[in-house]
């Protein structure tokens, strides 16, 4: 008599794929103002090679816009809404995007440091290439977000919620997952995975066999297991 086959448990469930943005920008008109202003309404505008350092665009809406080659040092975009837009080659330190809504957006080849995205909502976002240092995503919500070929140094995801998030050919260095909630987070494509805190929050993530071997000492320490030869 054949033995019954064990049913596949939750761990055997396929990882849900990331739903990606489908951008089709209209013909854009140049942004002709010298700077941003709070609660601005930008529709179909092109921001190209502009110095937006320390500008205040808090509460502004950017719909079907493109920011290309802009400098964003200390730029304030608190509670801004970036929708159906692309950001290419932007650079800056201390860009303020706390509480922002970022939906259907592609961020390509960014060079950013200390970007503040705590409490933000990212939905259907692709981050492609570039390097982002000390990214603050505490208490943020990431849904359908794909990181591709980028370097993230000490990203802070403490208390964040991640669902359908993937990493492909990325370096993830010193990530803090303390208190984070993960569901369908695919880490198998991470070329360099270094978790500084929050090993106990990896339920809901998928790792490769090689990554599991690398993480085994940390898992053992988390469980209080001593490994001795």
Protein backbone atom coordinates (compact mmCIF):
# COMPACT_ATOMS: atom_id res chain seq x y z
CA UNK A 1 0.00 0.00 0.00
CA UNK A 2 1.46 3.33 -1.03
CA UNK A 3 2.24 5.77 1.71
CA UNK A 4 0.15 8.96 1.69
CA UNK A 5 1.90 11.98 0.27
CA UNK A 6 2.32 14.86 2.68
CA UNK A 7 0.40 17.93 1.63
CA UNK A 8 2.37 21.04 0.87
CA UNK A 9 2.41 23.42 3.81
CA UNK A 10 2.65 27.19 3.78
CA UNK A 11 6.42 27.01 3.33
CA UNK A 12 5.92 25.29 -0.04
CA UNK A 13 3.72 28.10 -1.38
CA UNK A 14 5.20 29.93 -4.33
CA UNK A 15 6.40 33.46 -3.68
CA UNK A 16 3.82 35.94 -4.93
CA UNK A 17 5.33 38.03 -7.74
CA UNK A 18 5.81 41.77 -7.48
CA UNK A 19 3.26 43.82 -9.39
CA UNK A 20 5.29 46.36 -11.27
CA UNK A 21 4.38 49.88 -12.41
CA UNK A 22 3.41 50.39 -16.03
CA UNK A 23 4.59 53.87 -16.86
CA UNK A 24 3.60 55.64 -20.05
CA UNK A 25 4.40 59.29 -19.54
CA UNK A 26 2.71 61.83 -21.79
CA UNK A 27 4.62 64.59 -23.55
CA UNK A 28 6.02 66.61 -20.67
CA UNK A 29 6.31 70.35 -20.34
CA UNK A 30 9.38 71.88 -18.63
CA UNK A 31 9.00 73.04 -15.06
CA UNK A 32 9.68 76.76 -15.42
CA UNK A 33 9.66 77.87 -11.79
CA UNK A 34 12.90 78.50 -9.90
CA UNK A 35 11.98 76.17 -7.04
CA UNK A 36 9.23 74.13 -5.47
CA UNK A 37 6.54 75.48 -3.22
CA UNK A 38 4.50 73.76 -0.50
CA UNK A 39 1.29 72.01 -1.58
CA UNK A 40 2.12 72.48 -5.24
CA UNK A 41 0.21 70.61 -7.95
CA UNK A 42 2.44 69.31 -10.76
CA UNK A 43 0.87 67.42 -13.66
CA UNK A 44 2.88 66.26 -16.66
CA UNK A 45 5.95 68.34 -15.78
CA UNK A 46 9.61 67.67 -16.49
CA UNK A 47 12.17 68.66 -13.84
CA UNK A 48 15.53 68.34 -15.62
CA UNK A 49 18.99 69.13 -14.18
CA UNK A 50 17.51 71.51 -11.60
CA UNK A 51 19.10 72.57 -8.32
CA UNK A 52 16.29 71.89 -5.86
CA UNK A 53 18.53 71.95 -2.78
CA UNK A 54 16.63 72.96 0.37
CA UNK A 55 13.46 73.63 -1.66
CA UNK A 56 10.16 73.12 0.16
CA UNK A 57 7.63 71.04 -1.75
CA UNK A 58 5.94 69.56 1.30
CA UNK A 59 2.44 68.26 0.58
CA UNK A 60 2.88 68.62 -3.18
CA UNK A 61 1.48 66.23 -5.79
CA UNK A 62 3.55 65.07 -8.77
CA UNK A 63 1.37 63.25 -11.31
CA UNK A 64 2.95 61.84 -14.48
CA UNK A 65 6.13 63.82 -13.90
CA UNK A 66 9.82 63.18 -14.50
CA UNK A 67 12.70 64.30 -12.28
CA UNK A 68 15.97 63.82 -14.17
CA UNK A 69 19.43 64.74 -12.93
CA UNK A 70 18.09 66.97 -10.16
CA UNK A 71 19.94 67.85 -6.96
CA UNK A 72 17.85 67.15 -3.86
CA UNK A 73 20.13 68.05 -0.94
CA UNK A 74 17.89 68.82 2.02
CA UNK A 75 14.84 69.06 -0.23
CA UNK A 76 11.61 68.91 1.78
CA UNK A 77 8.91 66.71 0.25
CA UNK A 78 7.15 65.69 3.45
CA UNK A 79 3.74 64.11 2.76
CA UNK A 80 4.26 64.61 -0.98
CA UNK A 81 2.47 62.36 -3.48
CA UNK A 82 4.56 60.98 -6.35
CA UNK A 83 2.26 59.14 -8.73
CA UNK A 84 2.90 57.55 -12.15
CA UNK A 85 6.28 59.27 -12.31
CA UNK A 86 9.95 58.55 -12.91
CA UNK A 87 13.06 59.78 -11.12
CA UNK A 88 16.35 59.29 -12.95
CA UNK A 89 19.84 60.20 -11.77
CA UNK A 90 18.65 62.25 -8.81
CA UNK A 91 21.19 62.89 -6.09
CA UNK A 92 21.27 64.42 -2.65
CA UNK A 93 21.73 64.07 1.09
CA UNK A 94 18.96 64.44 3.65
CA UNK A 95 16.03 64.48 1.24
CA UNK A 96 12.87 64.59 3.38
CA UNK A 97 10.01 62.34 2.22
CA UNK A 98 8.47 61.36 5.54
CA UNK A 99 4.85 60.33 5.19
CA UNK A 100 5.00 60.49 1.39
CA UNK A 101 2.88 58.38 -0.93
CA UNK A 102 4.93 56.92 -3.79
CA UNK A 103 2.87 54.89 -6.25
CA UNK A 104 3.65 53.56 -9.73
CA UNK A 105 7.13 55.10 -9.72
CA UNK A 106 10.50 54.10 -11.17
CA UNK A 107 13.67 55.35 -9.42
CA UNK A 108 16.76 54.78 -11.55
CA UNK A 109 20.46 55.36 -10.83
CA UNK A 110 19.91 57.48 -7.74
CA UNK A 111 22.77 58.58 -5.49
CA UNK A 112 21.14 59.42 -2.18
CA UNK A 113 22.18 59.54 1.46
CA UNK A 114 20.13 59.84 4.63
CA UNK A 115 16.82 59.93 2.76
CA UNK A 116 13.91 60.16 5.20
CA UNK A 117 11.00 57.94 4.16
CA UNK A 118 9.69 56.98 7.59
CA UNK A 119 5.96 56.45 7.64
CA UNK A 120 5.82 56.53 3.83
CA UNK A 121 3.76 54.28 1.57
CA UNK A 122 5.47 52.75 -1.47
CA UNK A 123 3.24 50.85 -3.90
CA UNK A 124 4.32 49.39 -7.25
CA UNK A 125 7.77 50.94 -7.17
CA UNK A 126 10.96 49.87 -8.94
CA UNK A 127 14.35 50.98 -7.59
CA UNK A 128 16.91 50.24 -10.30
CA UNK A 129 20.66 50.79 -10.01
CA UNK A 130 22.37 53.47 -7.97
CA UNK A 131 23.34 53.61 -4.32
CA UNK A 132 21.31 54.75 -1.31
CA UNK A 133 23.03 55.15 2.06
CA UNK A 134 21.25 55.22 5.44
CA UNK A 135 17.75 55.02 4.01
CA UNK A 136 15.15 55.58 6.74
CA UNK A 137 12.05 53.47 6.08
CA UNK A 138 10.97 53.05 9.69
CA UNK A 139 7.23 52.36 10.09
CA UNK A 140 6.77 52.55 6.32
CA UNK A 141 4.66 50.28 4.12
CA UNK A 142 6.18 48.69 1.01
CA UNK A 143 3.83 46.80 -1.30
CA UNK A 144 4.94 45.49 -4.69
CA UNK A 145 8.42 47.01 -4.57
CA UNK A 146 11.32 45.66 -6.66
CA UNK A 147 14.97 46.52 -5.97
CA UNK A 148 17.21 45.76 -8.93
CA UNK A 149 20.99 46.10 -9.17
CA UNK A 150 21.24 48.69 -6.41
CA UNK A 151 23.32 49.08 -3.26
CA UNK A 152 21.52 49.80 0.02
CA UNK A 153 23.80 50.66 2.93
CA UNK A 154 22.31 50.38 6.43
CA UNK A 155 18.66 50.73 5.42
CA UNK A 156 16.40 51.08 8.46
CA UNK A 157 13.22 49.02 8.09
CA UNK A 158 12.37 48.85 11.78
CA UNK A 159 8.63 48.49 12.23
CA UNK A 160 8.02 48.51 8.47
CA UNK A 161 5.53 46.29 6.63
CA UNK A 162 6.81 44.61 3.46
CA UNK A 163 4.58 42.61 1.13
CA UNK A 164 5.62 41.32 -2.28
CA UNK A 165 9.08 42.91 -2.17
CA UNK A 166 11.96 41.48 -4.22
CA UNK A 167 15.69 42.06 -4.48
CA UNK A 168 17.65 41.17 -7.64
CA UNK A 169 21.45 41.56 -7.93
CA UNK A 170 21.47 43.92 -4.94
CA UNK A 171 23.80 44.53 -2.03
CA UNK A 172 21.90 44.81 1.24
CA UNK A 173 24.35 45.90 3.92
CA UNK A 174 23.57 46.30 7.60
CA UNK A 175 19.78 46.19 7.22
CA UNK A 176 17.70 46.67 10.38
CA UNK A 177 14.50 44.59 10.39
CA UNK A 178 13.63 45.09 14.05
CA UNK A 179 9.88 44.81 14.50
CA UNK A 180 9.28 44.55 10.74
CA UNK A 181 6.53 42.39 9.21
CA UNK A 182 7.41 40.48 6.03
CA UNK A 183 5.19 38.64 3.57
CA UNK A 184 6.38 37.29 0.21
CA UNK A 185 9.73 39.05 0.52
CA UNK A 186 12.19 37.42 -1.89
CA UNK A 187 15.80 37.77 -0.76
CA UNK A 188 17.21 35.05 -2.99
CA UNK A 189 18.55 37.53 -5.51
CA UNK A 190 20.55 39.51 -2.96
CA UNK A 191 24.21 39.28 -3.93
CA UNK A 192 25.40 40.58 -0.55
CA UNK A 193 23.10 40.04 2.44
CA UNK A 194 24.08 41.51 5.81
CA UNK A 195 21.39 41.74 8.48
CA UNK A 196 22.36 43.90 11.45
CA UNK A 197 19.21 43.36 13.52
CA UNK A 198 15.84 41.65 13.30
CA UNK A 199 16.73 38.05 12.44
CA UNK A 200 13.58 37.04 14.30
CA UNK A 201 11.48 39.00 11.78
CA UNK A 202 12.48 36.95 8.72
CA UNK A 203 9.30 34.88 8.79
CA UNK A 204 7.62 35.65 5.49
CA UNK A 205 10.91 35.98 3.62
CA UNK A 206 12.45 33.49 1.20
CA UNK A 207 16.21 32.89 1.15
CA UNK A 208 18.44 30.59 -0.86
CA UNK A 209 20.23 27.54 0.56
CA UNK A 210 23.57 29.36 0.45
CA UNK A 211 22.09 32.35 2.26
CA UNK A 212 20.62 30.04 4.88
CA UNK A 213 24.06 28.59 5.57
CA UNK A 214 25.48 32.09 5.95
CA UNK A 215 22.67 33.09 8.31
CA UNK A 216 22.80 29.89 10.37
CA UNK A 217 25.11 31.26 13.12
CA UNK A 218 22.83 34.25 13.64
CA UNK A 219 19.75 32.00 13.75
CA UNK A 220 21.47 29.78 16.31
CA UNK A 221 22.37 32.78 18.47
CA UNK A 222 18.78 34.04 18.23
CA UNK A 223 17.54 30.69 19.54
CA UNK A 224 20.19 30.52 22.24
CA UNK A 225 21.87 27.52 20.65
CA UNK A 226 25.59 27.11 21.21
CA UNK A 227 27.54 25.54 18.37
CA UNK A 228 30.78 23.88 19.46
CA UNK A 229 33.08 21.33 17.82
